[in-house]
Amino acid sequence: MRALLLRSSPLPGFGLAAGGMVCALTLIVLLPLAALLGRGVAIGPVELWQMVDTRRIRAALELSFRMAALASLFNLVFGLALAWVLVRYRFAGRRALDAAVDLPFALPTAVAGIALTTLYAPNGALGRMLAPLGLQIAYSQTGICLALVFIGLPFVVRTVQPVLEEIDRTLEEASATLGASRGYTLRHVVLPMLAPALMTGFALALARAVGEYGSVIFIAGNLPFHTEIAPLLIVIKLEEFDYDGASAIGLAMLAVSFGMLLVINLLQLWARRQG
């Protein structure tokens, strides 16, 4: 039976498929990472630390990762709510709303940044209404978070949505017949089944937000120590032909991102075991 399945498979044999996969992975992912790590080895750990250990770079790194984490946490909650509405309810305009979720995927990030800045600038359509309330979105850290929410939301929704569609609603009905409240059913029945998907969506949104550049630079203001993100500093270093400095910032971001994703993967593994 196994031989019959292998012969009838539309995909090529394991050797050819694995070889093509490894070749593509090497060219697209591993070689660029190896080049970056090789540059770091050539510079040396002491010099790398001296390049990164400056007030401006520390502030930019802290801002990038803090805003990415806040935006991803917001998307985790709002993305779950949006996926729930799209899966569990039928209403006029549902298909249009479902299609709109994918717009950040198709829209160039620079265009998104310009559009957000146009809306939320002090003289923008929404910025003029918020200014009398003392709220400033554009050219502030709030604007950075808003841009990262915009580009990261689809990752959570599209990760959670198919899992939510597969959940058997009879489990929720059984919980209700046993006297459980809606909150109890959500916490102890639904969320444990969604936890791995939620962690995956959070990790994807976080990874996307950490390295975001195009949608942020227009709305951030790019003020050093306040609204300057780490990817912008890398671009500045490259424009100054300081390739070692750019590599040092990139390696710092890579190390922090790897640590954060490792923690998220461990939490995801724990959630799956609990489920």
Protein backbone atom coordinates (compact mmCIF):
# COMPACT_ATOMS: atom_id res chain seq x y z
CA MET A 1 0.00 0.00 0.00
CA ARG A 2 2.80 2.43 0.88
CA ALA A 3 4.55 1.74 -2.42
CA LEU A 4 1.30 2.34 -4.28
CA LEU A 5 0.81 5.68 -2.50
CA LEU A 6 4.37 6.74 -3.31
CA ARG A 7 3.95 5.83 -6.99
CA SER A 8 0.63 7.67 -7.22
CA SER A 9 1.84 10.83 -5.49
CA PRO A 10 1.85 13.91 -7.73
CA LEU A 11 4.95 15.18 -5.94
CA PRO A 12 8.45 14.01 -6.87
CA GLY A 13 10.40 11.55 -4.75
CA PHE A 14 11.72 12.39 -1.32
CA GLY A 15 15.27 12.94 -2.52
CA LEU A 16 14.35 15.42 -5.22
CA ALA A 17 11.79 17.24 -3.06
CA ALA A 18 14.12 17.44 -0.06
CA GLY A 19 17.02 18.55 -2.23
CA GLY A 20 14.99 21.33 -3.81
CA MET A 21 13.70 22.43 -0.43
CA VAL A 22 17.16 22.51 1.13
CA CYS A 23 18.59 24.36 -1.87
CA ALA A 24 15.89 27.02 -1.79
CA LEU A 25 16.16 27.39 2.01
CA THR A 26 19.92 27.76 1.75
CA LEU A 27 19.83 30.40 -0.97
CA ILE A 28 16.98 32.45 0.51
CA VAL A 29 17.51 32.15 4.28
CA LEU A 30 20.68 30.42 5.40
CA LEU A 31 23.24 32.16 3.17
CA PRO A 32 22.12 35.72 4.07
CA LEU A 33 22.15 34.79 7.77
CA ALA A 34 25.55 33.16 7.38
CA ALA A 35 26.88 36.29 5.66
CA LEU A 36 25.63 38.45 8.52
CA LEU A 37 27.08 36.13 11.14
CA GLY A 38 30.34 35.93 9.21
CA ARG A 39 30.58 39.71 9.20
CA GLY A 40 30.03 39.67 12.94
CA VAL A 41 32.79 37.10 13.46
CA ALA A 42 35.17 39.19 11.33
CA ILE A 43 34.42 42.30 13.40
CA GLY A 44 34.80 40.52 16.72
CA PRO A 45 32.56 40.42 19.80
CA VAL A 46 34.30 43.29 21.60
CA GLU A 47 34.03 45.67 18.65
CA LEU A 48 30.44 44.59 18.04
CA TRP A 49 29.48 45.37 21.61
CA GLN A 50 31.19 48.76 21.44
CA MET A 51 29.27 49.60 18.24
CA VAL A 52 25.91 48.61 19.71
CA ASP A 53 26.44 49.89 23.24
CA THR A 54 25.56 53.51 22.52
CA ARG A 55 22.63 55.48 23.91
CA ARG A 56 21.09 56.11 20.50
CA ILE A 57 21.21 52.49 19.36
CA ARG A 58 19.95 51.18 22.70
CA ALA A 59 17.02 53.60 22.55
CA ALA A 60 16.19 52.57 18.97
CA LEU A 61 16.36 48.85 19.77
CA GLU A 62 14.25 49.26 22.90
CA LEU A 63 11.65 51.28 20.99
CA SER A 64 11.46 48.80 18.10
CA PHE A 65 10.95 45.74 20.27
CA ARG A 66 8.64 47.47 22.76
CA MET A 67 6.34 48.84 20.07
CA ALA A 68 6.40 45.50 18.22
CA ALA A 69 5.40 43.64 21.40
CA LEU A 70 2.61 46.11 22.24
CA ALA A 71 1.22 46.01 18.69
CA SER A 72 1.37 42.20 18.62
CA LEU A 73 -0.43 41.94 21.96
CA PHE A 74 -3.15 44.25 20.68
CA ASN A 75 -3.44 42.20 17.50
CA LEU A 76 -3.64 39.04 19.59
CA VAL A 77 -6.82 40.27 21.29
CA PHE A 78 -8.38 42.21 18.45
CA GLY A 79 -7.42 39.57 15.88
CA LEU A 80 -9.12 36.87 17.94
CA ALA A 81 -12.27 38.99 18.23
CA LEU A 82 -12.28 39.72 14.50
CA ALA A 83 -11.73 36.07 13.58
CA TRP A 84 -14.56 35.08 15.94
CA VAL A 85 -16.95 37.53 14.27
CA LEU A 86 -16.00 36.38 10.78
CA VAL A 87 -16.42 32.68 11.65
CA ARG A 88 -19.38 32.63 14.01
CA TYR A 89 -21.69 35.31 12.58
CA ARG A 90 -23.36 35.98 9.24
CA PHE A 91 -24.11 39.62 8.44
CA ALA A 92 -24.24 42.04 5.55
CA GLY A 93 -20.75 43.03 4.41
CA ARG A 94 -19.07 40.01 5.99
CA ARG A 95 -17.29 39.00 2.77
CA ALA A 96 -16.06 42.56 2.25
CA LEU A 97 -14.72 42.68 5.81
CA ASP A 98 -13.07 39.31 5.35
CA ALA A 99 -11.38 40.52 2.16
CA ALA A 100 -10.29 43.78 3.84
CA VAL A 101 -8.25 41.80 6.38
CA ASP A 102 -5.81 40.89 3.62
CA LEU A 103 -5.27 44.48 2.45
CA PRO A 104 -2.09 44.98 4.54
CA PHE A 105 -0.61 41.99 2.70
CA ALA A 106 -1.24 43.55 -0.72
CA LEU A 107 -0.68 47.21 0.10
CA PRO A 108 2.94 48.45 -0.12
CA THR A 109 4.10 49.39 3.35
CA ALA A 110 5.25 52.84 2.22
CA VAL A 111 1.77 53.54 0.87
CA ALA A 112 0.27 52.41 4.18
CA GLY A 113 2.61 54.74 6.07
CA ILE A 114 1.73 57.69 3.87
CA ALA A 115 -2.00 56.98 4.22
CA LEU A 116 -1.80 56.71 8.01
CA THR A 117 0.24 59.89 8.23
CA THR A 118 -2.23 61.74 6.02
CA LEU A 119 -5.09 60.70 8.29
CA TYR A 120 -3.48 61.20 11.69
CA ALA A 121 -1.17 64.18 11.10
CA PRO A 122 -2.15 67.30 13.09
CA ASN A 123 -3.73 68.74 9.94
CA GLY A 124 -5.17 65.40 8.78
CA ALA A 125 -8.81 64.36 8.71
CA LEU A 126 -8.63 62.47 12.01
CA GLY A 127 -5.69 64.34 13.48
CA ARG A 128 -7.66 67.61 13.51
CA MET A 129 -10.39 65.99 15.58
CA LEU A 130 -7.95 64.44 18.05
CA ALA A 131 -5.81 67.56 18.51
CA PRO A 132 -8.34 69.43 20.72
CA LEU A 133 -8.39 66.37 22.99
CA GLY A 134 -4.64 66.57 23.43
CA LEU A 135 -4.05 63.38 21.44
CA GLN A 136 -1.23 63.21 18.92
CA ILE A 137 -0.92 60.07 16.82
CA ALA A 138 1.41 60.99 13.99
CA TYR A 139 5.05 61.74 14.82
CA SER A 140 4.80 59.92 18.13
CA GLN A 141 5.28 56.43 19.54
CA THR A 142 1.52 55.93 19.32
CA GLY A 143 1.78 56.36 15.57
CA ILE A 144 4.51 53.72 15.41
CA CYS A 145 2.30 51.29 17.32
CA LEU A 146 -0.63 52.07 15.03
CA ALA A 147 1.42 51.31 11.92
CA LEU A 148 2.65 48.03 13.40
CA VAL A 149 -0.91 47.05 14.32
CA PHE A 150 -1.96 47.70 10.73
CA ILE A 151 0.67 45.46 9.16
CA GLY A 152 0.48 42.69 11.81
CA LEU A 153 -3.27 42.16 12.22
CA PRO A 154 -3.74 39.78 9.23
CA PHE A 155 -1.20 37.33 10.64
CA VAL A 156 -3.28 36.72 13.76
CA VAL A 157 -6.64 36.63 12.00
CA ARG A 158 -5.56 34.26 9.22
CA THR A 159 -3.81 31.95 11.70
CA VAL A 160 -6.71 31.72 14.14
CA GLN A 161 -9.60 31.73 11.65
CA PRO A 162 -9.17 28.21 10.16
CA VAL A 163 -8.63 26.68 13.62
CA LEU A 164 -11.76 28.38 14.92
CA GLU A 165 -13.74 27.03 11.97
CA GLU A 166 -12.69 23.47 12.90
CA ILE A 167 -13.77 23.68 16.55
CA ASP A 168 -16.82 21.53 17.19
CA ARG A 169 -19.52 23.82 18.58
CA THR A 170 -21.12 20.91 20.39
CA LEU A 171 -18.32 21.23 22.95
CA GLU A 172 -19.49 24.75 23.79
CA GLU A 173 -23.11 23.59 23.86
CA ALA A 174 -22.20 20.73 26.20
CA SER A 175 -20.41 23.18 28.49
CA ALA A 176 -23.48 25.41 28.53
CA THR A 177 -25.83 22.52 29.35
CA LEU A 178 -23.61 21.65 32.31
CA GLY A 179 -24.21 25.13 33.70
CA ALA A 180 -20.97 26.82 32.68
CA SER A 181 -21.08 30.54 31.98
CA ARG A 182 -19.95 32.02 28.68
CA GLY A 183 -16.77 33.31 30.27
CA TYR A 184 -15.95 29.92 31.77
CA THR A 185 -16.58 28.19 28.43
CA LEU A 186 -14.36 30.68 26.64
CA ARG A 187 -11.50 30.34 29.13
CA HIS A 188 -11.60 26.58 29.70
CA VAL A 189 -12.99 25.17 26.45
CA VAL A 190 -12.34 27.47 23.51
CA LEU A 191 -9.10 29.26 24.38
CA PRO A 192 -7.10 26.08 25.20
CA MET A 193 -7.89 24.78 21.72
CA LEU A 194 -6.96 28.12 20.15
CA ALA A 195 -3.82 28.69 22.22
CA PRO A 196 -1.30 27.16 19.75
CA ALA A 197 -2.79 29.13 16.84
CA LEU A 198 -2.84 32.31 18.91
CA MET A 199 0.81 31.90 19.84
CA THR A 200 1.71 31.25 16.20
CA GLY A 201 -0.16 34.35 15.06
CA PHE A 202 1.46 36.41 17.79
CA ALA A 203 4.93 35.18 16.78
CA LEU A 204 4.31 35.97 13.10
CA ALA A 205 2.96 39.45 13.90
CA LEU A 206 5.89 40.13 16.25
CA ALA A 207 8.48 39.00 13.72
CA ARG A 208 6.85 41.15 11.05
CA ALA A 209 6.65 44.20 13.28
CA VAL A 210 10.22 44.10 14.61
CA GLY A 211 11.77 44.61 11.19
CA GLU A 212 9.10 46.92 9.75
CA TYR A 213 10.45 50.02 8.04
CA GLY A 214 8.29 51.39 5.24
CA SER A 215 5.04 52.03 7.10
CA VAL A 216 6.77 53.40 10.21
CA ILE A 217 9.25 56.01 8.96
CA PHE A 218 6.53 58.28 7.57
CA ILE A 219 4.38 58.38 10.71
CA ALA A 220 7.12 58.09 13.33
CA GLY A 221 8.83 61.46 12.96
CA ASN A 222 12.22 59.70 13.31
CA LEU A 223 13.39 61.79 16.26
CA PRO A 224 16.48 60.23 17.88
CA PHE A 225 15.88 58.82 21.38
CA HIS A 226 12.12 59.23 20.97
CA THR A 227 10.68 57.92 17.68
CA GLU A 228 13.70 56.52 15.85
CA ILE A 229 13.46 52.78 15.14
CA ALA A 230 16.35 50.35 14.74
CA PRO A 231 15.72 49.53 11.02
CA LEU A 232 16.04 53.26 10.25
CA LEU A 233 19.41 53.34 12.00
CA ILE A 234 20.55 50.43 9.82
CA VAL A 235 19.58 52.39 6.70
CA ILE A 236 21.41 55.45 8.04
CA LYS A 237 24.54 53.38 8.65
CA LEU A 238 24.38 51.95 5.14
CA GLU A 239 24.00 55.43 3.63
CA GLU A 240 27.12 56.44 5.55
CA PHE A 241 28.92 53.34 4.19
CA ASP A 242 29.31 52.10 7.77
CA TYR A 243 28.64 48.47 6.91
CA ASP A 244 30.13 47.18 10.16
CA GLY A 245 27.81 49.42 12.17
CA ALA A 246 24.80 48.27 10.17
CA SER A 247 25.82 44.65 10.66
CA ALA A 248 26.23 45.18 14.41
CA ILE A 249 22.67 46.55 14.73
CA GLY A 250 21.36 43.74 12.54
CA LEU A 251 23.08 41.12 14.69
CA ALA A 252 21.68 42.70 17.85
CA MET A 253 18.17 42.57 16.39
CA LEU A 254 18.73 38.98 15.26
CA ALA A 255 19.87 37.90 18.73
CA VAL A 256 16.93 39.53 20.52
CA SER A 257 14.43 38.25 17.95
CA PHE A 258 15.79 34.73 18.21
CA GLY A 259 15.47 34.81 21.98
CA MET A 260 11.89 36.10 21.84
CA LEU A 261 10.83 33.55 19.24
CA LEU A 262 12.46 30.77 21.27
CA VAL A 263 10.39 31.75 24.31
CA ILE A 264 7.22 31.93 22.19
CA ASN A 265 7.89 28.49 20.70
CA LEU A 266 8.41 27.02 24.16
CA LEU A 267 5.13 28.56 25.31
CA GLN A 268 3.42 27.20 22.20
CA LEU A 269 4.78 23.71 22.93
CA TRP A 270 3.55 23.97 26.51
CA ALA A 271 0.10 25.10 25.32
CA ARG A 272 -0.16 22.12 22.97
CA ARG A 273 0.75 19.72 25.75
CA GLN A 274 -1.82 21.30 28.05
CA GLY A 275 -4.44 21.00 25.30
